[in-house]
Amino acid sequence: MKFSTKTSCDNGSAIIDLIGFGVLLQIPVLMFATAAISTQHQSFALEAIARHAIRAHTLWPDKQNTSQVVKQLASDFGLAYSSLEWELSCRPDPECKKADSIATIEVKLGPLSARAIHGL
């Protein structure tokens, strides 16, 4: 009995495998990586907005001024101001005018949020 060591012809199958597995399987990986990078960018942007907005409020404790700072920073980071939610609170003085007040700002964009706290 003779056993044959010849295999069937595989000409061209490496190219098909490369296209099928190499390219088509990379598309979901690239989509996931793009989404992760976008989420990270938004997270860093929220942290920077919260940090700079609380500093601006500390220097000039006026909510309208803080609103302008948040609006400008959102524009600088490529975020829509209308999609942001932010809340500023001060304790024990709600006006943030006393020297012992602690100001807190929380900035939200969908499920992401960032908080900054600063003493006056």
PDB file of N, CA and C in Angstrom:
ATOM      1  N   MET A   1       0.830  -1.155   0.000  1.00  0.00           N
ATOM      2  CA  MET A   1       0.000   0.000   0.000  1.00  0.00           C
ATOM      3  C   MET A   1       0.894   1.244   0.000  1.00  0.00           C
ATOM      4  N   LYS A   2       0.602   2.158  -0.904  1.00  0.00           N
ATOM      5  CA  LYS A   2       1.376   3.388  -1.012  1.00  0.00           C
ATOM      6  C   LYS A   2       0.577   4.552  -0.446  1.00  0.00           C
ATOM      7  N   PHE A   3       1.276   5.363   0.340  1.00  0.00           N
ATOM      8  CA  PHE A   3       0.652   6.581   0.841  1.00  0.00           C
ATOM      9  C   PHE A   3       1.198   7.768   0.050  1.00  0.00           C
ATOM     10  N   SER A   4       0.315   8.598  -0.339  1.00  0.00           N
ATOM     11  CA  SER A   4       0.720   9.762  -1.127  1.00  0.00           C
ATOM     12  C   SER A   4       1.037  10.914  -0.190  1.00  0.00           C
ATOM     13  N   THR A   5       2.127  11.604  -0.444  1.00  0.00           N
ATOM     14  CA  THR A   5       2.500  12.777   0.355  1.00  0.00           C
ATOM     15  C   THR A   5       2.061  14.073  -0.316  1.00  0.00           C
ATOM     16  N   LYS A   6       1.466  13.964  -1.462  1.00  0.00           N
ATOM     17  CA  LYS A   6       0.993  15.145  -2.165  1.00  0.00           C
ATOM     18  C   LYS A   6      -0.326  15.603  -1.552  1.00  0.00           C
ATOM     19  N   THR A   7      -0.443  16.896  -1.427  1.00  0.00           N
ATOM     20  CA  THR A   7      -1.702  17.470  -0.943  1.00  0.00           C
ATOM     21  C   THR A   7      -2.397  18.159  -2.094  1.00  0.00           C
ATOM     22  N   SER A   8      -3.604  18.467  -1.893  1.00  0.00           N
ATOM     23  CA  SER A   8      -4.331  19.159  -2.952  1.00  0.00           C
ATOM     24  C   SER A   8      -3.735  20.539  -3.187  1.00  0.00           C
ATOM     25  N   CYS A   9      -3.975  21.070  -4.301  1.00  0.00           N
ATOM     26  CA  CYS A   9      -3.388  22.355  -4.694  1.00  0.00           C
ATOM     27  C   CYS A   9      -3.994  23.481  -3.859  1.00  0.00           C
ATOM     28  N   ASP A  10      -3.135  24.296  -3.225  1.00  0.00           N
ATOM     29  CA  ASP A  10      -3.578  25.420  -2.405  1.00  0.00           C
ATOM     30  C   ASP A  10      -3.176  26.759  -3.020  1.00  0.00           C
ATOM     31  N   ASN A  11      -3.007  26.828  -4.277  1.00  0.00           N
ATOM     32  CA  ASN A  11      -2.599  28.085  -4.909  1.00  0.00           C
ATOM     33  C   ASN A  11      -3.648  29.165  -4.678  1.00  0.00           C
ATOM     34  N   GLY A  12      -3.190  30.290  -4.185  1.00  0.00           N
ATOM     35  CA  GLY A  12      -4.074  31.443  -4.012  1.00  0.00           C
ATOM     36  C   GLY A  12      -4.835  31.482  -2.705  1.00  0.00           C
ATOM     37  N   SER A  13      -4.804  30.460  -1.897  1.00  0.00           N
ATOM     38  CA  SER A  13      -5.593  30.471  -0.672  1.00  0.00           C
ATOM     39  C   SER A  13      -4.982  31.380   0.397  1.00  0.00           C
ATOM     40  N   ALA A  14      -3.681  31.637   0.353  1.00  0.00           N
ATOM     41  CA  ALA A  14      -3.063  32.544   1.329  1.00  0.00           C
ATOM     42  C   ALA A  14      -3.598  33.958   1.166  1.00  0.00           C
ATOM     43  N   ILE A  15      -3.815  34.398  -0.039  1.00  0.00           N
ATOM     44  CA  ILE A  15      -4.368  35.727  -0.288  1.00  0.00           C
ATOM     45  C   ILE A  15      -5.799  35.810   0.234  1.00  0.00           C
ATOM     46  N   ILE A  16      -6.558  34.772   0.001  1.00  0.00           N
ATOM     47  CA  ILE A  16      -7.943  34.749   0.483  1.00  0.00           C
ATOM     48  C   ILE A  16      -7.973  34.739   2.002  1.00  0.00           C
ATOM     49  N   ASP A  17      -7.093  33.975   2.618  1.00  0.00           N
ATOM     50  CA  ASP A  17      -7.015  33.954   4.079  1.00  0.00           C
ATOM     51  C   ASP A  17      -6.604  35.316   4.626  1.00  0.00           C
ATOM     52  N   LEU A  18      -5.651  35.950   3.979  1.00  0.00           N
ATOM     53  CA  LEU A  18      -5.216  37.279   4.413  1.00  0.00           C
ATOM     54  C   LEU A  18      -6.357  38.276   4.339  1.00  0.00           C
ATOM     55  N   ILE A  19      -7.086  38.259   3.243  1.00  0.00           N
ATOM     56  CA  ILE A  19      -8.213  39.189   3.099  1.00  0.00           C
ATOM     57  C   ILE A  19      -9.313  38.837   4.092  1.00  0.00           C
ATOM     58  N   GLY A  20      -9.637  37.559   4.181  1.00  0.00           N
ATOM     59  CA  GLY A  20     -10.732  37.133   5.053  1.00  0.00           C
ATOM     60  C   GLY A  20     -10.464  37.359   6.521  1.00  0.00           C
ATOM     61  N   PHE A  21      -9.310  36.939   6.965  1.00  0.00           N
ATOM     62  CA  PHE A  21      -9.007  37.029   8.387  1.00  0.00           C
ATOM     63  C   PHE A  21      -8.268  38.317   8.742  1.00  0.00           C
ATOM     64  N   GLY A  22      -7.352  38.717   7.915  1.00  0.00           N
ATOM     65  CA  GLY A  22      -6.539  39.895   8.217  1.00  0.00           C
ATOM     66  C   GLY A  22      -7.304  41.194   8.146  1.00  0.00           C
ATOM     67  N   VAL A  23      -8.090  41.356   7.118  1.00  0.00           N
ATOM     68  CA  VAL A  23      -8.783  42.629   6.916  1.00  0.00           C
ATOM     69  C   VAL A  23     -10.148  42.629   7.599  1.00  0.00           C
ATOM     70  N   LEU A  24     -10.948  41.619   7.335  1.00  0.00           N
ATOM     71  CA  LEU A  24     -12.306  41.608   7.857  1.00  0.00           C
ATOM     72  C   LEU A  24     -12.362  41.510   9.380  1.00  0.00           C
ATOM     73  N   LEU A  25     -11.410  40.852   9.997  1.00  0.00           N
ATOM     74  CA  LEU A  25     -11.407  40.774  11.452  1.00  0.00           C
ATOM     75  C   LEU A  25     -10.802  42.024  12.094  1.00  0.00           C
ATOM     76  N   GLN A  26     -10.073  42.805  11.314  1.00  0.00           N
ATOM     77  CA  GLN A  26      -9.513  44.039  11.864  1.00  0.00           C
ATOM     78  C   GLN A  26     -10.543  45.154  11.949  1.00  0.00           C
ATOM     79  N   ILE A  27     -11.584  45.088  11.158  1.00  0.00           N
ATOM     80  CA  ILE A  27     -12.601  46.141  11.166  1.00  0.00           C
ATOM     81  C   ILE A  27     -13.256  46.266  12.544  1.00  0.00           C
ATOM     82  N   PRO A  28     -13.744  45.197  13.181  1.00  0.00           N
ATOM     83  CA  PRO A  28     -14.312  45.358  14.523  1.00  0.00           C
ATOM     84  C   PRO A  28     -13.279  45.832  15.555  1.00  0.00           C
ATOM     85  N   VAL A  29     -12.044  45.392  15.411  1.00  0.00           N
ATOM     86  CA  VAL A  29     -11.000  45.831  16.343  1.00  0.00           C
ATOM     87  C   VAL A  29     -10.763  47.330  16.193  1.00  0.00           C
ATOM     88  N   LEU A  30     -10.700  47.808  14.965  1.00  0.00           N
ATOM     89  CA  LEU A  30     -10.515  49.242  14.733  1.00  0.00           C
ATOM     90  C   LEU A  30     -11.715  50.051  15.203  1.00  0.00           C
ATOM     91  N   MET A  31     -12.914  49.516  15.034  1.00  0.00           N
ATOM     92  CA  MET A  31     -14.111  50.224  15.519  1.00  0.00           C
ATOM     93  C   MET A  31     -14.092  50.331  17.044  1.00  0.00           C
ATOM     94  N   PHE A  32     -13.705  49.256  17.712  1.00  0.00           N
ATOM     95  CA  PHE A  32     -13.617  49.291  19.172  1.00  0.00           C
ATOM     96  C   PHE A  32     -12.540  50.264  19.627  1.00  0.00           C
ATOM     97  N   ALA A  33     -11.393  50.251  18.969  1.00  0.00           N
ATOM     98  CA  ALA A  33     -10.303  51.156  19.342  1.00  0.00           C
ATOM     99  C   ALA A  33     -10.708  52.611  19.130  1.00  0.00           C
ATOM    100  N   THR A  34     -11.414  52.898  18.050  1.00  0.00           N
ATOM    101  CA  THR A  34     -11.882  54.262  17.793  1.00  0.00           C
ATOM    102  C   THR A  34     -12.864  54.714  18.864  1.00  0.00           C
ATOM    103  N   ALA A  35     -13.782  53.839  19.241  1.00  0.00           N
ATOM    104  CA  ALA A  35     -14.743  54.183  20.298  1.00  0.00           C
ATOM    105  C   ALA A  35     -14.039  54.401  21.633  1.00  0.00           C
ATOM    106  N   ALA A  36     -13.052  53.567  21.944  1.00  0.00           N
ATOM    107  CA  ALA A  36     -12.316  53.712  23.202  1.00  0.00           C
ATOM    108  C   ALA A  36     -11.520  55.019  23.218  1.00  0.00           C
ATOM    109  N   ILE A  37     -10.903  55.369  22.102  1.00  0.00           N
ATOM    110  CA  ILE A  37     -10.140  56.617  22.033  1.00  0.00           C
ATOM    111  C   ILE A  37     -11.068  57.814  22.162  1.00  0.00           C
ATOM    112  N   SER A  38     -12.236  57.758  21.541  1.00  0.00           N
ATOM    113  CA  SER A  38     -13.198  58.852  21.637  1.00  0.00           C
ATOM    114  C   SER A  38     -13.687  59.031  23.078  1.00  0.00           C
ATOM    115  N   THR A  39     -13.957  57.930  23.745  1.00  0.00           N
ATOM    116  CA  THR A  39     -14.395  58.001  25.145  1.00  0.00           C
ATOM    117  C   THR A  39     -13.289  58.572  26.025  1.00  0.00           C
ATOM    118  N   GLN A  40     -12.060  58.171  25.770  1.00  0.00           N
ATOM    119  CA  GLN A  40     -10.931  58.694  26.546  1.00  0.00           C
ATOM    120  C   GLN A  40     -10.756  60.189  26.305  1.00  0.00           C
ATOM    121  N   HIS A  41     -10.908  60.632  25.064  1.00  0.00           N
ATOM    122  CA  HIS A  41     -10.809  62.057  24.744  1.00  0.00           C
ATOM    123  C   HIS A  41     -11.876  62.845  25.488  1.00  0.00           C
ATOM    124  N   GLN A  42     -13.104  62.346  25.490  1.00  0.00           N
ATOM    125  CA  GLN A  42     -14.186  63.026  26.193  1.00  0.00           C
ATOM    126  C   GLN A  42     -13.937  63.057  27.694  1.00  0.00           C
ATOM    127  N   SER A  43     -13.406  61.981  28.236  1.00  0.00           N
ATOM    128  CA  SER A  43     -13.107  61.936  29.664  1.00  0.00           C
ATOM    129  C   SER A  43     -12.042  62.963  30.046  1.00  0.00           C
ATOM    130  N   PHE A  44     -10.960  63.024  29.264  1.00  0.00           N
ATOM    131  CA  PHE A  44      -9.918  64.021  29.523  1.00  0.00           C
ATOM    132  C   PHE A  44     -10.463  65.435  29.363  1.00  0.00           C
ATOM    133  N   ALA A  45     -11.321  65.641  28.364  1.00  0.00           N
ATOM    134  CA  ALA A  45     -11.902  66.963  28.141  1.00  0.00           C
ATOM    135  C   ALA A  45     -12.770  67.373  29.328  1.00  0.00           C
ATOM    136  N   LEU A  46     -13.569  66.460  29.861  1.00  0.00           N
ATOM    137  CA  LEU A  46     -14.417  66.790  31.011  1.00  0.00           C
ATOM    138  C   LEU A  46     -13.576  67.137  32.229  1.00  0.00           C
ATOM    139  N   GLU A  47     -12.499  66.393  32.445  1.00  0.00           N
ATOM    140  CA  GLU A  47     -11.628  66.694  33.582  1.00  0.00           C
ATOM    141  C   GLU A  47     -11.001  68.082  33.438  1.00  0.00           C
ATOM    142  N   ALA A  48     -10.553  68.412  32.253  1.00  0.00           N
ATOM    143  CA  ALA A  48      -9.944  69.727  32.034  1.00  0.00           C
ATOM    144  C   ALA A  48     -10.976  70.838  32.168  1.00  0.00           C
ATOM    145  N   ILE A  49     -12.179  70.623  31.654  1.00  0.00           N
ATOM    146  CA  ILE A  49     -13.237  71.637  31.776  1.00  0.00           C
ATOM    147  C   ILE A  49     -13.566  71.875  33.237  1.00  0.00           C
ATOM    148  N   ALA A  50     -13.724  70.813  33.998  1.00  0.00           N
ATOM    149  CA  ALA A  50     -14.055  70.963  35.419  1.00  0.00           C
ATOM    150  C   ALA A  50     -12.928  71.683  36.164  1.00  0.00           C
ATOM    151  N   ARG A  51     -11.696  71.296  35.893  1.00  0.00           N
ATOM    152  CA  ARG A  51     -10.551  71.898  36.586  1.00  0.00           C
ATOM    153  C   ARG A  51     -10.422  73.392  36.264  1.00  0.00           C
ATOM    154  N   HIS A  52     -10.505  73.749  34.995  1.00  0.00           N
ATOM    155  CA  HIS A  52     -10.343  75.149  34.616  1.00  0.00           C
ATOM    156  C   HIS A  52     -11.557  75.994  35.011  1.00  0.00           C
ATOM    157  N   ALA A  53     -12.740  75.413  34.960  1.00  0.00           N
ATOM    158  CA  ALA A  53     -13.943  76.152  35.351  1.00  0.00           C
ATOM    159  C   ALA A  53     -13.924  76.465  36.845  1.00  0.00           C
ATOM    160  N   ILE A  54     -13.478  75.534  37.677  1.00  0.00           N
ATOM    161  CA  ILE A  54     -13.437  75.799  39.118  1.00  0.00           C
ATOM    162  C   ILE A  54     -12.367  76.841  39.429  1.00  0.00           C
ATOM    163  N   ARG A  55     -11.263  76.821  38.686  1.00  0.00           N
ATOM    164  CA  ARG A  55     -10.240  77.856  38.877  1.00  0.00           C
ATOM    165  C   ARG A  55     -10.775  79.227  38.481  1.00  0.00           C
ATOM    166  N   ALA A  56     -11.494  79.286  37.366  1.00  0.00           N
ATOM    167  CA  ALA A  56     -12.077  80.557  36.931  1.00  0.00           C
ATOM    168  C   ALA A  56     -13.103  81.054  37.952  1.00  0.00           C
ATOM    169  N   HIS A  57     -13.890  80.124  38.498  1.00  0.00           N
ATOM    170  CA  HIS A  57     -14.887  80.527  39.494  1.00  0.00           C
ATOM    171  C   HIS A  57     -14.220  80.991  40.788  1.00  0.00           C
ATOM    172  N   THR A  58     -13.088  80.394  41.112  1.00  0.00           N
ATOM    173  CA  THR A  58     -12.355  80.817  42.306  1.00  0.00           C
ATOM    174  C   THR A  58     -11.817  82.233  42.134  1.00  0.00           C
ATOM    175  N   LEU A  59     -11.323  82.533  40.936  1.00  0.00           N
ATOM    176  CA  LEU A  59     -10.789  83.874  40.688  1.00  0.00           C
ATOM    177  C   LEU A  59     -11.879  84.926  40.584  1.00  0.00           C
ATOM    178  N   TRP A  60     -12.997  84.570  39.991  1.00  0.00           N
ATOM    179  CA  TRP A  60     -14.105  85.513  39.832  1.00  0.00           C
ATOM    180  C   TRP A  60     -15.405  84.769  40.088  1.00  0.00           C
ATOM    181  N   PRO A  61     -15.875  84.769  41.339  1.00  0.00           N
ATOM    182  CA  PRO A  61     -17.038  83.942  41.707  1.00  0.00           C
ATOM    183  C   PRO A  61     -18.356  84.499  41.157  1.00  0.00           C
ATOM    184  N   ASP A  62     -18.557  84.296  39.880  1.00  0.00           N
ATOM    185  CA  ASP A  62     -19.781  84.704  39.213  1.00  0.00           C
ATOM    186  C   ASP A  62     -20.200  83.542  38.310  1.00  0.00           C
ATOM    187  N   LYS A  63     -21.440  83.065  38.487  1.00  0.00           N
ATOM    188  CA  LYS A  63     -21.870  81.881  37.750  1.00  0.00           C
ATOM    189  C   LYS A  63     -21.923  82.140  36.243  1.00  0.00           C
ATOM    190  N   GLN A  64     -22.233  83.360  35.834  1.00  0.00           N
ATOM    191  CA  GLN A  64     -22.268  83.652  34.400  1.00  0.00           C
ATOM    192  C   GLN A  64     -20.858  83.595  33.798  1.00  0.00           C
ATOM    193  N   ASN A  65     -19.874  84.084  34.535  1.00  0.00           N
ATOM    194  CA  ASN A  65     -18.489  83.982  34.082  1.00  0.00           C
ATOM    195  C   ASN A  65     -18.073  82.519  33.967  1.00  0.00           C
ATOM    196  N   THR A  66     -18.445  81.714  34.946  1.00  0.00           N
ATOM    197  CA  THR A  66     -18.119  80.288  34.913  1.00  0.00           C
ATOM    198  C   THR A  66     -18.806  79.610  33.734  1.00  0.00           C
ATOM    199  N   SER A  67     -20.025  80.014  33.439  1.00  0.00           N
ATOM    200  CA  SER A  67     -20.739  79.476  32.292  1.00  0.00           C
ATOM    201  C   SER A  67     -20.014  79.794  30.988  1.00  0.00           C
ATOM    202  N   GLN A  68     -19.495  81.004  30.860  1.00  0.00           N
ATOM    203  CA  GLN A  68     -18.745  81.382  29.662  1.00  0.00           C
ATOM    204  C   GLN A  68     -17.456  80.569  29.541  1.00  0.00           C
ATOM    205  N   VAL A  69     -16.807  80.333  30.668  1.00  0.00           N
ATOM    206  CA  VAL A  69     -15.575  79.529  30.653  1.00  0.00           C
ATOM    207  C   VAL A  69     -15.893  78.097  30.217  1.00  0.00           C
ATOM    208  N   VAL A  70     -16.945  77.511  30.756  1.00  0.00           N
ATOM    209  CA  VAL A  70     -17.330  76.150  30.379  1.00  0.00           C
ATOM    210  C   VAL A  70     -17.677  76.096  28.897  1.00  0.00           C
ATOM    211  N   LYS A  71     -18.398  77.090  28.415  1.00  0.00           N
ATOM    212  CA  LYS A  71     -18.782  77.133  27.003  1.00  0.00           C
ATOM    213  C   LYS A  71     -17.551  77.225  26.100  1.00  0.00           C
ATOM    214  N   GLN A  72     -16.602  78.087  26.453  1.00  0.00           N
ATOM    215  CA  GLN A  72     -15.391  78.244  25.650  1.00  0.00           C
ATOM    216  C   GLN A  72     -14.528  76.979  25.673  1.00  0.00           C
ATOM    217  N   LEU A  73     -14.389  76.385  26.847  1.00  0.00           N
ATOM    218  CA  LEU A  73     -13.588  75.167  26.947  1.00  0.00           C
ATOM    219  C   LEU A  73     -14.223  74.000  26.187  1.00  0.00           C
ATOM    220  N   ALA A  74     -15.542  73.903  26.242  1.00  0.00           N
ATOM    221  CA  ALA A  74     -16.231  72.851  25.480  1.00  0.00           C
ATOM    222  C   ALA A  74     -15.973  73.043  23.986  1.00  0.00           C
ATOM    223  N   SER A  75     -16.020  74.273  23.544  1.00  0.00           N
ATOM    224  CA  SER A  75     -15.729  74.562  22.138  1.00  0.00           C
ATOM    225  C   SER A  75     -14.282  74.215  21.791  1.00  0.00           C
ATOM    226  N   ASP A  76     -13.362  74.548  22.686  1.00  0.00           N
ATOM    227  CA  ASP A  76     -11.946  74.242  22.444  1.00  0.00           C
ATOM    228  C   ASP A  76     -11.684  72.745  22.322  1.00  0.00           C
ATOM    229  N   PHE A  77     -12.421  71.948  23.081  1.00  0.00           N
ATOM    230  CA  PHE A  77     -12.240  70.496  23.049  1.00  0.00           C
ATOM    231  C   PHE A  77     -13.126  69.809  22.022  1.00  0.00           C
ATOM    232  N   GLY A  78     -13.901  70.580  21.265  1.00  0.00           N
ATOM    233  CA  GLY A  78     -14.737  70.002  20.216  1.00  0.00           C
ATOM    234  C   GLY A  78     -15.997  69.349  20.734  1.00  0.00           C
ATOM    235  N   LEU A  79     -16.458  69.750  21.909  1.00  0.00           N
ATOM    236  CA  LEU A  79     -17.696  69.214  22.470  1.00  0.00           C
ATOM    237  C   LEU A  79     -18.800  70.243  22.323  1.00  0.00           C
ATOM    238  N   ALA A  80     -20.010  69.784  22.139  1.00  0.00           N
ATOM    239  CA  ALA A  80     -21.153  70.691  22.053  1.00  0.00           C
ATOM    240  C   ALA A  80     -21.550  71.123  23.462  1.00  0.00           C
ATOM    241  N   TYR A  81     -21.639  72.441  23.652  1.00  0.00           N
ATOM    242  CA  TYR A  81     -22.000  72.955  24.978  1.00  0.00           C
ATOM    243  C   TYR A  81     -23.389  72.475  25.378  1.00  0.00           C
ATOM    244  N   SER A  82     -24.284  72.334  24.404  1.00  0.00           N
ATOM    245  CA  SER A  82     -25.649  71.909  24.722  1.00  0.00           C
ATOM    246  C   SER A  82     -25.706  70.467  25.225  1.00  0.00           C
ATOM    247  N   SER A  83     -24.704  69.660  24.909  1.00  0.00           N
ATOM    248  CA  SER A  83     -24.700  68.277  25.386  1.00  0.00           C
ATOM    249  C   SER A  83     -24.096  68.133  26.779  1.00  0.00           C
ATOM    250  N   LEU A  84     -23.456  69.189  27.270  1.00  0.00           N
ATOM    251  CA  LEU A  84     -22.865  69.163  28.610  1.00  0.00           C
ATOM    252  C   LEU A  84     -23.894  69.527  29.668  1.00  0.00           C
ATOM    253  N   GLU A  85     -23.780  68.896  30.797  1.00  0.00           N
ATOM    254  CA  GLU A  85     -24.537  69.290  31.985  1.00  0.00           C
ATOM    255  C   GLU A  85     -23.509  69.609  33.056  1.00  0.00           C
ATOM    256  N   TRP A  86     -23.671  70.742  33.706  1.00  0.00           N
ATOM    257  CA  TRP A  86     -22.724  71.059  34.768  1.00  0.00           C
ATOM    258  C   TRP A  86     -23.471  71.722  35.909  1.00  0.00           C
ATOM    259  N   GLU A  87     -22.944  71.462  37.102  1.00  0.00           N
ATOM    260  CA  GLU A  87     -23.566  71.993  38.309  1.00  0.00           C
ATOM    261  C   GLU A  87     -22.471  72.527  39.224  1.00  0.00           C
ATOM    262  N   LEU A  88     -22.677  73.736  39.690  1.00  0.00           N
ATOM    263  CA  LEU A  88     -21.744  74.383  40.597  1.00  0.00           C
ATOM    264  C   LEU A  88     -22.413  74.527  41.950  1.00  0.00           C
ATOM    265  N   SER A  89     -21.725  74.110  42.990  1.00  0.00           N
ATOM    266  CA  SER A  89     -22.262  74.271  44.347  1.00  0.00           C
ATOM    267  C   SER A  89     -21.158  74.778  45.260  1.00  0.00           C
ATOM    268  N   CYS A  90     -21.563  75.566  46.229  1.00  0.00           N
ATOM    269  CA  CYS A  90     -20.623  76.106  47.210  1.00  0.00           C
ATOM    270  C   CYS A  90     -21.179  75.857  48.597  1.00  0.00           C
ATOM    271  N   ARG A  91     -20.279  75.565  49.525  1.00  0.00           N
ATOM    272  CA  ARG A  91     -20.707  75.434  50.913  1.00  0.00           C
ATOM    273  C   ARG A  91     -19.650  76.038  51.811  1.00  0.00           C
ATOM    274  N   PRO A  92     -19.910  76.573  52.870  1.00  0.00           N
ATOM    275  CA  PRO A  92     -21.223  76.815  53.476  1.00  0.00           C
ATOM    276  C   PRO A  92     -21.933  78.033  52.868  1.00  0.00           C
ATOM    277  N   ASP A  93     -21.225  78.865  52.117  1.00  0.00           N
ATOM    278  CA  ASP A  93     -21.840  80.046  51.508  1.00  0.00           C
ATOM    279  C   ASP A  93     -22.274  79.707  50.082  1.00  0.00           C
ATOM    280  N   PRO A  94     -23.581  79.708  49.789  1.00  0.00           N
ATOM    281  CA  PRO A  94     -24.041  79.340  48.454  1.00  0.00           C
ATOM    282  C   PRO A  94     -23.583  80.317  47.361  1.00  0.00           C
ATOM    283  N   GLU A  95     -23.187  81.515  47.745  1.00  0.00           N
ATOM    284  CA  GLU A  95     -22.723  82.502  46.771  1.00  0.00           C
ATOM    285  C   GLU A  95     -21.230  82.393  46.474  1.00  0.00           C
ATOM    286  N   CYS A  96     -20.514  81.597  47.237  1.00  0.00           N
ATOM    287  CA  CYS A  96     -19.058  81.416  47.085  1.00  0.00           C
ATOM    288  C   CYS A  96     -18.296  82.726  47.281  1.00  0.00           C
ATOM    289  N   LYS A  97     -18.738  83.553  48.197  1.00  0.00           N
ATOM    290  CA  LYS A  97     -18.066  84.841  48.393  1.00  0.00           C
ATOM    291  C   LYS A  97     -17.265  84.882  49.692  1.00  0.00           C
ATOM    292  N   LYS A  98     -17.538  83.972  50.617  1.00  0.00           N
ATOM    293  CA  LYS A  98     -16.792  83.945  51.869  1.00  0.00           C
ATOM    294  C   LYS A  98     -15.463  83.241  51.665  1.00  0.00           C
ATOM    295  N   ALA A  99     -14.502  83.606  52.472  1.00  0.00           N
ATOM    296  CA  ALA A  99     -13.148  83.068  52.329  1.00  0.00           C
ATOM    297  C   ALA A  99     -13.056  81.578  52.662  1.00  0.00           C
ATOM    298  N   ASP A 100     -13.933  81.061  53.498  1.00  0.00           N
ATOM    299  CA  ASP A 100     -13.863  79.652  53.894  1.00  0.00           C
ATOM    300  C   ASP A 100     -14.762  78.745  53.058  1.00  0.00           C
ATOM    301  N   SER A 101     -15.292  79.235  51.958  1.00  0.00           N
ATOM    302  CA  SER A 101     -16.197  78.435  51.132  1.00  0.00           C
ATOM    303  C   SER A 101     -15.431  77.384  50.331  1.00  0.00           C
ATOM    304  N   ILE A 102     -16.114  76.311  50.048  1.00  0.00           N
ATOM    305  CA  ILE A 102     -15.559  75.257  49.204  1.00  0.00           C
ATOM    306  C   ILE A 102     -16.476  75.126  47.987  1.00  0.00           C
ATOM    307  N   ALA A 103     -15.912  75.353  46.813  1.00  0.00           N
ATOM    308  CA  ALA A 103     -16.677  75.282  45.569  1.00  0.00           C
ATOM    309  C   ALA A 103     -16.466  73.904  44.928  1.00  0.00           C
ATOM    310  N   THR A 104     -17.550  73.353  44.420  1.00  0.00           N
ATOM    311  CA  THR A 104     -17.514  72.067  43.740  1.00  0.00           C
ATOM    312  C   THR A 104     -18.233  72.210  42.411  1.00  0.00           C
ATOM    313  N   ILE A 105     -17.613  71.729  41.355  1.00  0.00           N
ATOM    314  CA  ILE A 105     -18.265  71.715  40.054  1.00  0.00           C
ATOM    315  C   ILE A 105     -18.249  70.290  39.526  1.00  0.00           C
ATOM    316  N   GLU A 106     -19.365  69.869  38.963  1.00  0.00           N
ATOM    317  CA  GLU A 106     -19.459  68.555  38.342  1.00  0.00           C
ATOM    318  C   GLU A 106     -19.924  68.748  36.906  1.00  0.00           C
ATOM    319  N   VAL A 107     -19.164  68.215  35.980  1.00  0.00           N
ATOM    320  CA  VAL A 107     -19.463  68.330  34.551  1.00  0.00           C
ATOM    321  C   VAL A 107     -19.792  66.936  34.037  1.00  0.00           C
ATOM    322  N   LYS A 108     -20.924  66.811  33.306  1.00  0.00           N
ATOM    323  CA  LYS A 108     -21.361  65.507  32.795  1.00  0.00           C
ATOM    324  C   LYS A 108     -21.561  65.576  31.293  1.00  0.00           C
ATOM    325  N   LEU A 109     -21.229  64.490  30.655  1.00  0.00           N
ATOM    326  CA  LEU A 109     -21.487  64.299  29.233  1.00  0.00           C
ATOM    327  C   LEU A 109     -21.939  62.858  29.062  1.00  0.00           C
ATOM    328  N   GLY A 110     -23.231  62.657  28.975  1.00  0.00           N
ATOM    329  CA  GLY A 110     -23.767  61.304  28.908  1.00  0.00           C
ATOM    330  C   GLY A 110     -23.412  60.543  30.179  1.00  0.00           C
ATOM    331  N   PRO A 111     -22.813  59.362  30.055  1.00  0.00           N
ATOM    332  CA  PRO A 111     -22.468  58.587  31.247  1.00  0.00           C
ATOM    333  C   PRO A 111     -21.157  59.031  31.901  1.00  0.00           C
ATOM    334  N   LEU A 112     -20.407  59.894  31.235  1.00  0.00           N
ATOM    335  CA  LEU A 112     -19.126  60.359  31.777  1.00  0.00           C
ATOM    336  C   LEU A 112     -19.339  61.567  32.673  1.00  0.00           C
ATOM    337  N   SER A 113     -18.528  61.674  33.707  1.00  0.00           N
ATOM    338  CA  SER A 113     -18.600  62.848  34.572  1.00  0.00           C
ATOM    339  C   SER A 113     -17.227  63.125  35.175  1.00  0.00           C
ATOM    340  N   ALA A 114     -17.033  64.397  35.515  1.00  0.00           N
ATOM    341  CA  ALA A 114     -15.794  64.816  36.175  1.00  0.00           C
ATOM    342  C   ALA A 114     -16.163  65.835  37.235  1.00  0.00           C
ATOM    343  N   ARG A 115     -15.423  65.823  38.334  1.00  0.00           N
ATOM    344  CA  ARG A 115     -15.708  66.722  39.453  1.00  0.00           C
ATOM    345  C   ARG A 115     -14.417  67.387  39.882  1.00  0.00           C
ATOM    346  N   ALA A 116     -14.532  68.676  40.208  1.00  0.00           N
ATOM    347  CA  ALA A 116     -13.401  69.424  40.729  1.00  0.00           C
ATOM    348  C   ALA A 116     -13.845  70.180  41.975  1.00  0.00           C
ATOM    349  N   ILE A 117     -12.977  70.209  42.976  1.00  0.00           N
ATOM    350  CA  ILE A 117     -13.273  70.874  44.245  1.00  0.00           C
ATOM    351  C   ILE A 117     -12.131  71.846  44.530  1.00  0.00           C
ATOM    352  N   HIS A 118     -12.511  73.039  44.988  1.00  0.00           N
ATOM    353  CA  HIS A 118     -11.488  74.036  45.277  1.00  0.00           C
ATOM    354  C   HIS A 118     -11.965  74.896  46.437  1.00  0.00           C
ATOM    355  N   GLY A 119     -11.066  75.167  47.368  1.00  0.00           N
ATOM    356  CA  GLY A 119     -11.368  76.050  48.481  1.00  0.00           C
ATOM    357  C   GLY A 119     -11.068  77.493  48.129  1.00  0.00           C
ATOM    358  N   LEU A 120     -11.923  78.373  48.614  1.00  0.00           N
ATOM    359  CA  LEU A 120     -11.721  79.805  48.336  1.00  0.00           C
ATOM    360  C   LEU A 120     -10.926  80.464  49.427  1.00  0.00           C
TER     361      LEU A 120
END
